N, C-alpha and C. Protein backbone atom coordinates (compact mmCIF):
# COMPACT_ATOMS: atom_id res chain seq x y z
N MET A 1 -9.97 -5.44 -4.49
CA MET A 1 -11.00 -6.24 -3.90
C MET A 1 -10.35 -7.53 -3.41
N LEU A 2 -10.82 -8.01 -2.26
CA LEU A 2 -10.34 -9.26 -1.71
C LEU A 2 -11.50 -10.23 -1.59
N VAL A 3 -11.33 -11.43 -2.10
CA VAL A 3 -12.32 -12.49 -1.99
C VAL A 3 -11.75 -13.53 -1.02
N VAL A 4 -12.51 -13.82 0.04
CA VAL A 4 -12.08 -14.80 1.03
C VAL A 4 -13.09 -15.94 1.04
N GLU A 5 -12.65 -17.10 0.58
CA GLU A 5 -13.53 -18.26 0.44
C GLU A 5 -12.69 -19.52 0.57
N ASP A 6 -13.08 -20.42 1.46
CA ASP A 6 -12.30 -21.64 1.67
C ASP A 6 -12.57 -22.72 0.63
N ASN A 7 -13.66 -22.63 -0.10
CA ASN A 7 -13.99 -23.61 -1.13
C ASN A 7 -13.34 -23.18 -2.44
N LEU A 8 -12.43 -24.00 -2.95
CA LEU A 8 -11.67 -23.66 -4.15
C LEU A 8 -12.56 -23.38 -5.36
N VAL A 9 -13.56 -24.19 -5.57
CA VAL A 9 -14.45 -24.01 -6.73
C VAL A 9 -15.17 -22.67 -6.63
N ASN A 10 -15.77 -22.39 -5.47
CA ASN A 10 -16.48 -21.12 -5.29
C ASN A 10 -15.55 -19.93 -5.45
N ARG A 11 -14.36 -20.03 -4.85
CA ARG A 11 -13.38 -18.93 -4.93
C ARG A 11 -12.99 -18.68 -6.37
N THR A 12 -12.73 -19.74 -7.11
CA THR A 12 -12.32 -19.60 -8.51
C THR A 12 -13.42 -18.94 -9.35
N ILE A 13 -14.65 -19.36 -9.15
CA ILE A 13 -15.78 -18.79 -9.91
C ILE A 13 -15.93 -17.30 -9.61
N VAL A 14 -15.91 -16.94 -8.34
CA VAL A 14 -16.09 -15.53 -7.96
C VAL A 14 -14.96 -14.68 -8.51
N VAL A 15 -13.73 -15.15 -8.36
CA VAL A 15 -12.58 -14.39 -8.85
C VAL A 15 -12.66 -14.20 -10.36
N ARG A 16 -13.00 -15.25 -11.08
CA ARG A 16 -13.10 -15.15 -12.55
C ARG A 16 -14.22 -14.21 -12.99
N LEU A 17 -15.37 -14.30 -12.33
CA LEU A 17 -16.48 -13.41 -12.68
C LEU A 17 -16.11 -11.94 -12.44
N LEU A 18 -15.49 -11.67 -11.31
CA LEU A 18 -15.12 -10.29 -10.99
C LEU A 18 -14.02 -9.78 -11.92
N ALA A 19 -13.04 -10.63 -12.21
CA ALA A 19 -11.97 -10.24 -13.13
C ALA A 19 -12.51 -9.97 -14.52
N LYS A 20 -13.48 -10.76 -14.94
CA LYS A 20 -14.11 -10.56 -16.26
C LYS A 20 -14.79 -9.20 -16.35
N GLU A 21 -15.27 -8.71 -15.20
CA GLU A 21 -15.91 -7.39 -15.15
C GLU A 21 -14.90 -6.25 -14.95
N GLY A 22 -13.62 -6.60 -14.93
CA GLY A 22 -12.58 -5.58 -14.84
C GLY A 22 -12.08 -5.27 -13.44
N CYS A 23 -12.48 -6.06 -12.47
CA CYS A 23 -12.04 -5.84 -11.09
C CYS A 23 -10.65 -6.42 -10.87
N GLU A 24 -9.85 -5.72 -10.08
CA GLU A 24 -8.58 -6.26 -9.63
C GLU A 24 -8.87 -7.07 -8.37
N VAL A 25 -8.62 -8.36 -8.41
CA VAL A 25 -9.05 -9.25 -7.33
C VAL A 25 -7.87 -10.01 -6.76
N ASP A 26 -7.76 -9.97 -5.43
CA ASP A 26 -6.87 -10.86 -4.69
C ASP A 26 -7.76 -11.90 -4.03
N ALA A 27 -7.21 -13.07 -3.76
CA ALA A 27 -8.00 -14.13 -3.13
C ALA A 27 -7.26 -14.69 -1.94
N ALA A 28 -8.04 -15.10 -0.95
CA ALA A 28 -7.51 -15.77 0.24
C ALA A 28 -8.41 -16.96 0.53
N ASP A 29 -7.81 -18.03 1.07
CA ASP A 29 -8.60 -19.23 1.33
C ASP A 29 -8.93 -19.44 2.80
N SER A 30 -8.62 -18.45 3.64
CA SER A 30 -8.93 -18.58 5.07
C SER A 30 -8.96 -17.20 5.72
N GLY A 31 -9.52 -17.16 6.92
CA GLY A 31 -9.51 -15.91 7.67
C GLY A 31 -8.10 -15.45 7.98
N GLU A 32 -7.23 -16.40 8.31
CA GLU A 32 -5.84 -16.05 8.61
C GLU A 32 -5.17 -15.42 7.39
N GLU A 33 -5.40 -16.00 6.23
CA GLU A 33 -4.82 -15.46 5.00
C GLU A 33 -5.38 -14.06 4.70
N ALA A 34 -6.64 -13.87 4.98
CA ALA A 34 -7.26 -12.55 4.77
C ALA A 34 -6.61 -11.50 5.67
N LEU A 35 -6.35 -11.87 6.92
CA LEU A 35 -5.71 -10.93 7.84
C LEU A 35 -4.31 -10.55 7.36
N ILE A 36 -3.59 -11.51 6.82
CA ILE A 36 -2.27 -11.23 6.27
C ILE A 36 -2.39 -10.29 5.07
N ALA A 37 -3.33 -10.57 4.18
CA ALA A 37 -3.52 -9.73 2.99
C ALA A 37 -3.87 -8.30 3.38
N VAL A 38 -4.74 -8.15 4.36
CA VAL A 38 -5.15 -6.80 4.79
C VAL A 38 -4.00 -6.08 5.46
N SER A 39 -3.12 -6.81 6.14
CA SER A 39 -1.98 -6.16 6.79
C SER A 39 -0.96 -5.66 5.77
N ARG A 40 -0.98 -6.23 4.56
CA ARG A 40 -0.04 -5.84 3.50
C ARG A 40 -0.57 -4.70 2.63
N GLY A 41 -1.86 -4.46 2.64
CA GLY A 41 -2.43 -3.42 1.79
C GLY A 41 -3.87 -3.16 2.16
N SER A 42 -4.48 -2.21 1.48
CA SER A 42 -5.87 -1.90 1.79
C SER A 42 -6.77 -2.33 0.62
N TYR A 43 -8.01 -2.57 0.95
CA TYR A 43 -9.00 -3.01 -0.05
C TYR A 43 -10.23 -2.13 0.06
N ASP A 44 -10.81 -1.79 -1.07
CA ASP A 44 -12.06 -1.05 -1.09
C ASP A 44 -13.24 -1.94 -0.74
N LEU A 45 -13.11 -3.23 -1.02
CA LEU A 45 -14.20 -4.17 -0.78
C LEU A 45 -13.62 -5.54 -0.45
N ILE A 46 -14.20 -6.19 0.56
CA ILE A 46 -13.82 -7.55 0.91
C ILE A 46 -15.09 -8.39 0.89
N LEU A 47 -15.09 -9.43 0.05
CA LEU A 47 -16.20 -10.40 0.02
C LEU A 47 -15.71 -11.62 0.78
N MET A 48 -16.41 -11.97 1.87
CA MET A 48 -15.91 -13.01 2.74
C MET A 48 -16.98 -14.05 3.07
N ASP A 49 -16.57 -15.29 3.00
CA ASP A 49 -17.39 -16.42 3.44
C ASP A 49 -17.53 -16.31 4.96
N VAL A 50 -18.70 -16.57 5.48
CA VAL A 50 -18.91 -16.50 6.92
C VAL A 50 -18.48 -17.80 7.60
N ASN A 51 -18.77 -18.93 6.97
CA ASN A 51 -18.49 -20.24 7.58
C ASN A 51 -17.19 -20.82 7.05
N MET A 52 -16.10 -20.50 7.76
CA MET A 52 -14.79 -21.06 7.42
C MET A 52 -14.22 -21.71 8.67
N PRO A 53 -13.39 -22.74 8.50
CA PRO A 53 -12.78 -23.37 9.67
C PRO A 53 -11.77 -22.43 10.34
N GLN A 54 -11.45 -22.70 11.56
CA GLN A 54 -10.50 -21.95 12.38
C GLN A 54 -10.99 -20.53 12.64
N VAL A 55 -10.66 -19.58 11.80
CA VAL A 55 -11.12 -18.20 12.00
C VAL A 55 -12.22 -17.94 10.97
N ASP A 56 -13.48 -17.84 11.44
CA ASP A 56 -14.58 -17.64 10.51
C ASP A 56 -14.66 -16.20 10.02
N GLY A 57 -15.56 -15.96 9.10
CA GLY A 57 -15.69 -14.64 8.50
C GLY A 57 -16.06 -13.55 9.48
N CYS A 58 -16.90 -13.86 10.46
CA CYS A 58 -17.31 -12.85 11.44
C CYS A 58 -16.13 -12.44 12.32
N GLU A 59 -15.37 -13.41 12.80
CA GLU A 59 -14.21 -13.10 13.63
C GLU A 59 -13.15 -12.35 12.82
N THR A 60 -12.94 -12.76 11.58
CA THR A 60 -11.97 -12.08 10.73
C THR A 60 -12.38 -10.62 10.53
N THR A 61 -13.65 -10.38 10.29
CA THR A 61 -14.15 -9.01 10.12
C THR A 61 -13.92 -8.20 11.38
N GLN A 62 -14.20 -8.78 12.55
CA GLN A 62 -13.97 -8.07 13.82
C GLN A 62 -12.50 -7.72 13.99
N ARG A 63 -11.62 -8.64 13.63
CA ARG A 63 -10.18 -8.37 13.74
C ARG A 63 -9.75 -7.27 12.77
N ILE A 64 -10.29 -7.28 11.57
CA ILE A 64 -9.95 -6.24 10.59
C ILE A 64 -10.44 -4.89 11.10
N ARG A 65 -11.64 -4.84 11.60
CA ARG A 65 -12.18 -3.58 12.12
C ARG A 65 -11.43 -3.09 13.35
N GLY A 66 -10.80 -3.99 14.08
CA GLY A 66 -10.06 -3.61 15.27
C GLY A 66 -8.64 -3.16 15.01
N ARG A 67 -8.23 -3.12 13.74
CA ARG A 67 -6.88 -2.69 13.41
C ARG A 67 -6.63 -1.27 13.86
N LYS A 68 -5.38 -0.89 13.90
CA LYS A 68 -5.00 0.43 14.40
C LYS A 68 -5.32 1.57 13.44
N ASN A 69 -5.67 1.27 12.21
CA ASN A 69 -5.97 2.31 11.23
C ASN A 69 -7.47 2.62 11.26
N PRO A 70 -7.88 3.68 11.98
CA PRO A 70 -9.32 3.95 12.09
C PRO A 70 -9.99 4.25 10.76
N ALA A 71 -9.27 4.84 9.82
CA ALA A 71 -9.86 5.14 8.52
C ALA A 71 -10.25 3.85 7.81
N ALA A 72 -9.40 2.84 7.88
CA ALA A 72 -9.71 1.55 7.24
C ALA A 72 -10.89 0.90 7.93
N ALA A 73 -10.93 0.96 9.24
CA ALA A 73 -12.05 0.37 9.97
C ALA A 73 -13.35 1.09 9.61
N TYR A 74 -13.29 2.40 9.42
CA TYR A 74 -14.49 3.15 9.06
C TYR A 74 -14.98 2.74 7.68
N ARG A 75 -14.05 2.62 6.73
CA ARG A 75 -14.43 2.22 5.37
C ARG A 75 -15.10 0.85 5.39
N LEU A 76 -14.58 -0.07 6.19
CA LEU A 76 -15.13 -1.42 6.23
C LEU A 76 -16.49 -1.47 6.87
N SER A 77 -16.81 -0.52 7.74
CA SER A 77 -18.09 -0.59 8.46
C SER A 77 -19.22 0.12 7.73
N ARG A 78 -18.94 0.86 6.69
CA ARG A 78 -19.97 1.60 5.96
C ARG A 78 -20.79 0.71 5.09
C-alpha cells in the first residue's frame, strides 16, 4: 500500500494506523515521489491526497493510469 500525503502529521497518523492493522505501507510526500515509488514497484492500493502542491493527486493518478503496464492501470481503475 502507498500513502501519498504532503502533510507530515496526517501522513504519519495514516501510516501508523495502517501498520497497526498489519498493512505493509510505503509513504510519499508528493505526487512526484508517488510516481517514483510506482515506477519501482506495484501497489494493490494507493491512498492519495488530492490537494498537493506541484503535481496534485488527480494529475498523479492520471499519470499512473497512463503507464505502459495496462494490467496496473486496470487494477488502479477498479
